Amino acid sequence: MATYILLLKEYEDDESVVYKFGPNENTMGKIKLNKITRKFSELEEIPNKDLPSTFYFDRAAQRLAVCLVREGGVFPEKTAFES
């Protein structure tokens, strides 16, 4: 099964970054990454009864971890998790 999760940056400062995330722009939750502690938190769950919100959250967190570690802390306005 192919997986696609869209991430749209909503806010960023020196300490944290917040993205909206979900399968499309109409069904989205919010995830926050604390850049200092490297901890993720779900600010809003995705309202989708077909899949648990953790399905999307875990993959969105993976994509943001790549931005933080492999891409030198560069967080684009729009990105995606694809597999």
PDB file of N, CA and C in Angstrom:
ATOM      1  N   MET A   1       0.833  -1.176   0.000  1.00  0.00           N
ATOM      2  CA  MET A   1       0.000   0.000   0.000  1.00  0.00           C
ATOM      3  C   MET A   1       0.884   1.249   0.000  1.00  0.00           C
ATOM      4  N   ALA A   2       0.627   2.164  -0.905  1.00  0.00           N
ATOM      5  CA  ALA A   2       1.374   3.420  -0.966  1.00  0.00           C
ATOM      6  C   ALA A   2       0.855   4.373   0.109  1.00  0.00           C
ATOM      7  N   THR A   3       1.769   5.142   0.654  1.00  0.00           N
ATOM      8  CA  THR A   3       1.417   6.105   1.689  1.00  0.00           C
ATOM      9  C   THR A   3       1.896   7.487   1.277  1.00  0.00           C
ATOM     10  N   TYR A   4       1.015   8.468   1.411  1.00  0.00           N
ATOM     11  CA  TYR A   4       1.369   9.859   1.130  1.00  0.00           C
ATOM     12  C   TYR A   4       0.806  10.714   2.247  1.00  0.00           C
ATOM     13  N   ILE A   5       1.684  11.502   2.867  1.00  0.00           N
ATOM     14  CA  ILE A   5       1.258  12.420   3.922  1.00  0.00           C
ATOM     15  C   ILE A   5       1.815  13.800   3.608  1.00  0.00           C
ATOM     16  N   LEU A   6       0.933  14.747   3.464  1.00  0.00           N
ATOM     17  CA  LEU A   6       1.280  16.124   3.149  1.00  0.00           C
ATOM     18  C   LEU A   6       1.579  16.875   4.441  1.00  0.00           C
ATOM     19  N   LEU A   7       2.628  17.698   4.426  1.00  0.00           N
ATOM     20  CA  LEU A   7       2.973  18.541   5.576  1.00  0.00           C
ATOM     21  C   LEU A   7       3.104  19.981   5.097  1.00  0.00           C
ATOM     22  N   LEU A   8       2.375  20.882   5.761  1.00  0.00           N
ATOM     23  CA  LEU A   8       2.393  22.305   5.435  1.00  0.00           C
ATOM     24  C   LEU A   8       2.828  23.093   6.662  1.00  0.00           C
ATOM     25  N   LYS A   9       3.925  23.827   6.534  1.00  0.00           N
ATOM     26  CA  LYS A   9       4.447  24.573   7.692  1.00  0.00           C
ATOM     27  C   LYS A   9       3.502  25.698   8.061  1.00  0.00           C
ATOM     28  N   GLU A  10       3.244  25.802   9.356  1.00  0.00           N
ATOM     29  CA  GLU A  10       2.368  26.835   9.879  1.00  0.00           C
ATOM     30  C   GLU A  10       3.129  27.874  10.695  1.00  0.00           C
ATOM     31  N   TYR A  11       4.192  27.438  11.374  1.00  0.00           N
ATOM     32  CA  TYR A  11       4.924  28.324  12.279  1.00  0.00           C
ATOM     33  C   TYR A  11       6.328  27.768  12.505  1.00  0.00           C
ATOM     34  N   GLU A  12       7.298  28.664  12.629  1.00  0.00           N
ATOM     35  CA  GLU A  12       8.653  28.240  12.987  1.00  0.00           C
ATOM     36  C   GLU A  12       9.381  29.376  13.689  1.00  0.00           C
ATOM     37  N   ASP A  13      10.121  29.022  14.742  1.00  0.00           N
ATOM     38  CA  ASP A  13      11.046  29.943  15.386  1.00  0.00           C
ATOM     39  C   ASP A  13      12.300  29.151  15.747  1.00  0.00           C
ATOM     40  N   ASP A  14      13.190  29.718  16.539  1.00  0.00           N
ATOM     41  CA  ASP A  14      14.448  29.047  16.876  1.00  0.00           C
ATOM     42  C   ASP A  14      14.246  27.789  17.714  1.00  0.00           C
ATOM     43  N   GLU A  15      13.127  27.718  18.422  1.00  0.00           N
ATOM     44  CA  GLU A  15      12.883  26.619  19.356  1.00  0.00           C
ATOM     45  C   GLU A  15      11.977  25.518  18.825  1.00  0.00           C
ATOM     46  N   SER A  16      11.018  25.866  17.957  1.00  0.00           N
ATOM     47  CA  SER A  16      10.055  24.862  17.511  1.00  0.00           C
ATOM     48  C   SER A  16       9.547  25.137  16.098  1.00  0.00           C
ATOM     49  N   VAL A  17       8.905  24.116  15.545  1.00  0.00           N
ATOM     50  CA  VAL A  17       8.260  24.238  14.241  1.00  0.00           C
ATOM     51  C   VAL A  17       6.931  23.485  14.317  1.00  0.00           C
ATOM     52  N   VAL A  18       5.894  24.058  13.702  1.00  0.00           N
ATOM     53  CA  VAL A  18       4.563  23.453  13.705  1.00  0.00           C
ATOM     54  C   VAL A  18       4.115  23.248  12.257  1.00  0.00           C
ATOM     55  N   TYR A  19       3.644  22.047  11.977  1.00  0.00           N
ATOM     56  CA  TYR A  19       3.127  21.708  10.653  1.00  0.00           C
ATOM     57  C   TYR A  19       1.710  21.177  10.757  1.00  0.00           C
ATOM     58  N   LYS A  20       0.918  21.455   9.747  1.00  0.00           N
ATOM     59  CA  LYS A  20      -0.341  20.754   9.543  1.00  0.00           C
ATOM     60  C   LYS A  20       0.039  19.509   8.755  1.00  0.00           C
ATOM     61  N   PHE A  21      -0.598  18.367   9.042  1.00  0.00           N
ATOM     62  CA  PHE A  21      -0.251  17.136   8.343  1.00  0.00           C
ATOM     63  C   PHE A  21      -1.493  16.284   8.115  1.00  0.00           C
ATOM     64  N   GLY A  22      -1.479  15.531   7.025  1.00  0.00           N
ATOM     65  CA  GLY A  22      -2.597  14.641   6.738  1.00  0.00           C
ATOM     66  C   GLY A  22      -2.556  14.123   5.317  1.00  0.00           C
ATOM     67  N   PRO A  23      -3.561  13.341   4.952  1.00  0.00           N
ATOM     68  CA  PRO A  23      -3.597  12.736   3.614  1.00  0.00           C
ATOM     69  C   PRO A  23      -3.888  13.748   2.508  1.00  0.00           C
ATOM     70  N   ASN A  24      -4.488  14.877   2.856  1.00  0.00           N
ATOM     71  CA  ASN A  24      -4.774  15.941   1.888  1.00  0.00           C
ATOM     72  C   ASN A  24      -5.032  17.242   2.658  1.00  0.00           C
ATOM     73  N   GLU A  25      -5.226  18.344   1.931  1.00  0.00           N
ATOM     74  CA  GLU A  25      -5.389  19.647   2.583  1.00  0.00           C
ATOM     75  C   GLU A  25      -6.725  19.805   3.305  1.00  0.00           C
ATOM     76  N   ASN A  26      -7.676  18.920   3.045  1.00  0.00           N
ATOM     77  CA  ASN A  26      -8.993  19.000   3.679  1.00  0.00           C
ATOM     78  C   ASN A  26      -9.084  18.216   4.987  1.00  0.00           C
ATOM     79  N   THR A  27      -8.146  17.304   5.206  1.00  0.00           N
ATOM     80  CA  THR A  27      -8.155  16.452   6.397  1.00  0.00           C
ATOM     81  C   THR A  27      -6.779  16.528   7.042  1.00  0.00           C
ATOM     82  N   MET A  28      -6.632  17.439   8.012  1.00  0.00           N
ATOM     83  CA  MET A  28      -5.306  17.648   8.590  1.00  0.00           C
ATOM     84  C   MET A  28      -5.349  17.813  10.107  1.00  0.00           C
ATOM     85  N   GLY A  29      -4.259  17.382  10.724  1.00  0.00           N
ATOM     86  CA  GLY A  29      -4.020  17.617  12.135  1.00  0.00           C
ATOM     87  C   GLY A  29      -2.819  18.538  12.256  1.00  0.00           C
ATOM     88  N   LYS A  30      -2.285  18.684  13.468  1.00  0.00           N
ATOM     89  CA  LYS A  30      -1.112  19.531  13.675  1.00  0.00           C
ATOM     90  C   LYS A  30      -0.075  18.795  14.506  1.00  0.00           C
ATOM     91  N   ILE A  31       1.183  18.938  14.100  1.00  0.00           N
ATOM     92  CA  ILE A  31       2.313  18.335  14.805  1.00  0.00           C
ATOM     93  C   ILE A  31       3.318  19.429  15.135  1.00  0.00           C
ATOM     94  N   LYS A  32       3.931  19.304  16.306  1.00  0.00           N
ATOM     95  CA  LYS A  32       4.941  20.274  16.735  1.00  0.00           C
ATOM     96  C   LYS A  32       6.224  19.525  17.050  1.00  0.00           C
ATOM     97  N   LEU A  33       7.348  20.079  16.593  1.00  0.00           N
ATOM     98  CA  LEU A  33       8.665  19.548  16.914  1.00  0.00           C
ATOM     99  C   LEU A  33       9.411  20.598  17.724  1.00  0.00           C
ATOM    100  N   ASN A  34       9.842  20.218  18.922  1.00  0.00           N
ATOM    101  CA  ASN A  34      10.716  21.070  19.716  1.00  0.00           C
ATOM    102  C   ASN A  34      12.133  20.778  19.226  1.00  0.00           C
ATOM    103  N   LYS A  35      12.752  21.744  18.589  1.00  0.00           N
ATOM    104  CA  LYS A  35      14.076  21.545  17.993  1.00  0.00           C
ATOM    105  C   LYS A  35      15.159  21.326  19.042  1.00  0.00           C
ATOM    106  N   ILE A  36      14.976  21.837  20.234  1.00  0.00           N
ATOM    107  CA  ILE A  36      15.987  21.720  21.279  1.00  0.00           C
ATOM    108  C   ILE A  36      15.948  20.333  21.928  1.00  0.00           C
ATOM    109  N   THR A  37      14.750  19.897  22.340  1.00  0.00           N
ATOM    110  CA  THR A  37      14.622  18.585  22.985  1.00  0.00           C
ATOM    111  C   THR A  37      14.441  17.456  21.978  1.00  0.00           C
ATOM    112  N   ARG A  38      14.120  17.823  20.721  1.00  0.00           N
ATOM    113  CA  ARG A  38      13.860  16.859  19.638  1.00  0.00           C
ATOM    114  C   ARG A  38      12.659  15.972  19.949  1.00  0.00           C
ATOM    115  N   LYS A  39      11.673  16.542  20.609  1.00  0.00           N
ATOM    116  CA  LYS A  39      10.445  15.813  20.939  1.00  0.00           C
ATOM    117  C   LYS A  39       9.299  16.317  20.079  1.00  0.00           C
ATOM    118  N   PHE A  40       8.449  15.355  19.691  1.00  0.00           N
ATOM    119  CA  PHE A  40       7.280  15.647  18.880  1.00  0.00           C
ATOM    120  C   PHE A  40       6.031  15.616  19.742  1.00  0.00           C
ATOM    121  N   SER A  41       5.063  16.462  19.406  1.00  0.00           N
ATOM    122  CA  SER A  41       3.775  16.407  20.077  1.00  0.00           C
ATOM    123  C   SER A  41       2.674  16.650  19.052  1.00  0.00           C
ATOM    124  N   GLU A  42       1.561  15.991  19.276  1.00  0.00           N
ATOM    125  CA  GLU A  42       0.405  16.139  18.391  1.00  0.00           C
ATOM    126  C   GLU A  42      -0.499  17.211  18.989  1.00  0.00           C
ATOM    127  N   LEU A  43      -0.623  18.326  18.293  1.00  0.00           N
ATOM    128  CA  LEU A  43      -1.442  19.432  18.773  1.00  0.00           C
ATOM    129  C   LEU A  43      -2.914  19.235  18.425  1.00  0.00           C
ATOM    130  N   GLU A  44      -3.178  18.631  17.262  1.00  0.00           N
ATOM    131  CA  GLU A  44      -4.546  18.323  16.834  1.00  0.00           C
ATOM    132  C   GLU A  44      -4.546  16.986  16.110  1.00  0.00           C
ATOM    133  N   GLU A  45      -5.500  16.134  16.444  1.00  0.00           N
ATOM    134  CA  GLU A  45      -5.641  14.851  15.756  1.00  0.00           C
ATOM    135  C   GLU A  45      -6.310  15.039  14.405  1.00  0.00           C
ATOM    136  N   ILE A  46      -6.027  14.114  13.497  1.00  0.00           N
ATOM    137  CA  ILE A  46      -6.684  14.117  12.193  1.00  0.00           C
ATOM    138  C   ILE A  46      -8.064  13.501  12.347  1.00  0.00           C
ATOM    139  N   PRO A  47      -9.096  14.171  11.858  1.00  0.00           N
ATOM    140  CA  PRO A  47     -10.450  13.613  11.952  1.00  0.00           C
ATOM    141  C   PRO A  47     -10.717  12.594  10.838  1.00  0.00           C
ATOM    142  N   ASN A  48     -10.135  11.395  10.970  1.00  0.00           N
ATOM    143  CA  ASN A  48     -10.309  10.342   9.970  1.00  0.00           C
ATOM    144  C   ASN A  48     -10.599   9.037  10.693  1.00  0.00           C
ATOM    145  N   LYS A  49     -11.772   8.489  10.477  1.00  0.00           N
ATOM    146  CA  LYS A  49     -12.165   7.262  11.172  1.00  0.00           C
ATOM    147  C   LYS A  49     -11.566   6.008  10.548  1.00  0.00           C
ATOM    148  N   ASP A  50     -11.073   6.106   9.299  1.00  0.00           N
ATOM    149  CA  ASP A  50     -10.536   4.939   8.601  1.00  0.00           C
ATOM    150  C   ASP A  50      -9.180   4.493   9.145  1.00  0.00           C
ATOM    151  N   LEU A  51      -8.349   5.458   9.549  1.00  0.00           N
ATOM    152  CA  LEU A  51      -7.031   5.137  10.085  1.00  0.00           C
ATOM    153  C   LEU A  51      -6.806   5.916  11.371  1.00  0.00           C
ATOM    154  N   PRO A  52      -6.142   5.297  12.346  1.00  0.00           N
ATOM    155  CA  PRO A  52      -5.869   6.030  13.581  1.00  0.00           C
ATOM    156  C   PRO A  52      -4.925   7.198  13.318  1.00  0.00           C
ATOM    157  N   SER A  53      -5.066   8.259  14.072  1.00  0.00           N
ATOM    158  CA  SER A  53      -4.249   9.459  13.903  1.00  0.00           C
ATOM    159  C   SER A  53      -2.760   9.148  14.043  1.00  0.00           C
ATOM    160  N   THR A  54      -2.411   8.149  14.847  1.00  0.00           N
ATOM    161  CA  THR A  54      -1.000   7.801  15.036  1.00  0.00           C
ATOM    162  C   THR A  54      -0.365   7.334  13.731  1.00  0.00           C
ATOM    163  N   PHE A  55      -1.147   6.753  12.829  1.00  0.00           N
ATOM    164  CA  PHE A  55      -0.636   6.328  11.521  1.00  0.00           C
ATOM    165  C   PHE A  55      -0.018   7.529  10.807  1.00  0.00           C
ATOM    166  N   TYR A  56      -0.722   8.641  10.770  1.00  0.00           N
ATOM    167  CA  TYR A  56      -0.239   9.851  10.114  1.00  0.00           C
ATOM    168  C   TYR A  56       0.829  10.557  10.948  1.00  0.00           C
ATOM    169  N   PHE A  57       0.607  10.649  12.246  1.00  0.00           N
ATOM    170  CA  PHE A  57       1.529  11.337  13.147  1.00  0.00           C
ATOM    171  C   PHE A  57       2.930  10.724  13.091  1.00  0.00           C
ATOM    172  N   ASP A  58       3.020   9.399  13.171  1.00  0.00           N
ATOM    173  CA  ASP A  58       4.320   8.733  13.171  1.00  0.00           C
ATOM    174  C   ASP A  58       5.101   9.008  11.889  1.00  0.00           C
ATOM    175  N   ARG A  59       4.412   9.010  10.771  1.00  0.00           N
ATOM    176  CA  ARG A  59       5.069   9.245   9.484  1.00  0.00           C
ATOM    177  C   ARG A  59       5.427  10.716   9.292  1.00  0.00           C
ATOM    178  N   ALA A  60       4.581  11.609   9.777  1.00  0.00           N
ATOM    179  CA  ALA A  60       4.901  13.037   9.728  1.00  0.00           C
ATOM    180  C   ALA A  60       6.132  13.315  10.589  1.00  0.00           C
ATOM    181  N   ALA A  61       6.211  12.688  11.747  1.00  0.00           N
ATOM    182  CA  ALA A  61       7.366  12.848  12.634  1.00  0.00           C
ATOM    183  C   ALA A  61       8.635  12.331  11.959  1.00  0.00           C
ATOM    184  N   GLN A  62       8.525  11.220  11.232  1.00  0.00           N
ATOM    185  CA  GLN A  62       9.682  10.687  10.502  1.00  0.00           C
ATOM    186  C   GLN A  62      10.200  11.704   9.496  1.00  0.00           C
ATOM    187  N   ARG A  63       9.295  12.323   8.763  1.00  0.00           N
ATOM    188  CA  ARG A  63       9.695  13.296   7.745  1.00  0.00           C
ATOM    189  C   ARG A  63      10.361  14.511   8.396  1.00  0.00           C
ATOM    190  N   LEU A  64       9.823  14.986   9.507  1.00  0.00           N
ATOM    191  CA  LEU A  64      10.415  16.139  10.188  1.00  0.00           C
ATOM    192  C   LEU A  64      11.771  15.789  10.808  1.00  0.00           C
ATOM    193  N   ALA A  65      11.938  14.550  11.246  1.00  0.00           N
ATOM    194  CA  ALA A  65      13.232  14.108  11.778  1.00  0.00           C
ATOM    195  C   ALA A  65      14.291  14.157  10.678  1.00  0.00           C
ATOM    196  N   VAL A  66      13.912  13.803   9.458  1.00  0.00           N
ATOM    197  CA  VAL A  66      14.832  13.889   8.319  1.00  0.00           C
ATOM    198  C   VAL A  66      15.225  15.350   8.082  1.00  0.00           C
ATOM    199  N   CYS A  67      14.259  16.248   8.145  1.00  0.00           N
ATOM    200  CA  CYS A  67      14.552  17.680   7.981  1.00  0.00           C
ATOM    201  C   CYS A  67      15.533  18.155   9.049  1.00  0.00           C
ATOM    202  N   LEU A  68      15.324  17.725  10.274  1.00  0.00           N
ATOM    203  CA  LEU A  68      16.151  18.152  11.397  1.00  0.00           C
ATOM    204  C   LEU A  68      17.568  17.603  11.313  1.00  0.00           C
ATOM    205  N   VAL A  69      17.695  16.312  11.043  1.00  0.00           N
ATOM    206  CA  VAL A  69      18.998  15.654  11.119  1.00  0.00           C
ATOM    207  C   VAL A  69      19.732  15.645   9.777  1.00  0.00           C
ATOM    208  N   ARG A  70      19.137  15.057   8.769  1.00  0.00           N
ATOM    209  CA  ARG A  70      19.823  14.893   7.480  1.00  0.00           C
ATOM    210  C   ARG A  70      19.876  16.165   6.641  1.00  0.00           C
ATOM    211  N   GLU A  71      18.877  17.024   6.795  1.00  0.00           N
ATOM    212  CA  GLU A  71      18.802  18.220   5.959  1.00  0.00           C
ATOM    213  C   GLU A  71      19.223  19.484   6.710  1.00  0.00           C
ATOM    214  N   GLY A  72      19.924  19.296   7.817  1.00  0.00           N
ATOM    215  CA  GLY A  72      20.530  20.406   8.527  1.00  0.00           C
ATOM    216  C   GLY A  72      19.586  21.390   9.197  1.00  0.00           C
ATOM    217  N   GLY A  73      18.402  20.915   9.589  1.00  0.00           N
ATOM    218  CA  GLY A  73      17.462  21.796  10.275  1.00  0.00           C
ATOM    219  C   GLY A  73      16.703  22.735   9.357  1.00  0.00           C
ATOM    220  N   VAL A  74      16.667  22.409   8.070  1.00  0.00           N
ATOM    221  CA  VAL A  74      15.911  23.212   7.102  1.00  0.00           C
ATOM    222  C   VAL A  74      14.507  22.629   6.995  1.00  0.00           C
ATOM    223  N   PHE A  75      13.506  23.448   7.309  1.00  0.00           N
ATOM    224  CA  PHE A  75      12.109  23.020   7.291  1.00  0.00           C
ATOM    225  C   PHE A  75      11.373  23.765   6.181  1.00  0.00           C
ATOM    226  N   PRO A  76      11.072  23.082   5.065  1.00  0.00           N
ATOM    227  CA  PRO A  76      10.407  23.752   3.941  1.00  0.00           C
ATOM    228  C   PRO A  76       8.961  24.109   4.244  1.00  0.00           C
ATOM    229  N   GLU A  77       8.427  25.033   3.462  1.00  0.00           N
ATOM    230  CA  GLU A  77       7.027  25.437   3.619  1.00  0.00           C
ATOM    231  C   GLU A  77       6.075  24.273   3.344  1.00  0.00           C
ATOM    232  N   LYS A  78       6.456  23.421   2.399  1.00  0.00           N
ATOM    233  CA  LYS A  78       5.620  22.274   2.022  1.00  0.00           C
ATOM    234  C   LYS A  78       6.527  21.085   1.781  1.00  0.00           C
ATOM    235  N   THR A  79       6.182  19.939   2.374  1.00  0.00           N
ATOM    236  CA  THR A  79       6.934  18.716   2.179  1.00  0.00           C
ATOM    237  C   THR A  79       5.972  17.541   2.294  1.00  0.00           C
ATOM    238  N   ALA A  80       6.488  16.325   2.141  1.00  0.00           N
ATOM    239  CA  ALA A  80       5.611  15.153   2.208  1.00  0.00           C
ATOM    240  C   ALA A  80       6.407  13.925   2.623  1.00  0.00           C
ATOM    241  N   PHE A  81       5.691  12.978   3.207  1.00  0.00           N
ATOM    242  CA  PHE A  81       6.211  11.641   3.475  1.00  0.00           C
ATOM    243  C   PHE A  81       5.627  10.753   2.400  1.00  0.00           C
ATOM    244  N   GLU A  82       6.457  10.033   1.694  1.00  0.00           N
ATOM    245  CA  GLU A  82       5.977   9.129   0.652  1.00  0.00           C
ATOM    246  C   GLU A  82       6.665   7.782   0.802  1.00  0.00           C
ATOM    247  N   SER A  83       5.886   6.723   0.658  1.00  0.00           N
ATOM    248  CA  SER A  83       6.477   5.376   0.674  1.00  0.00           C
ATOM    249  C   SER A  83       5.666   4.453  -0.197  1.00  0.00           C
TER     250      SER A  83
END
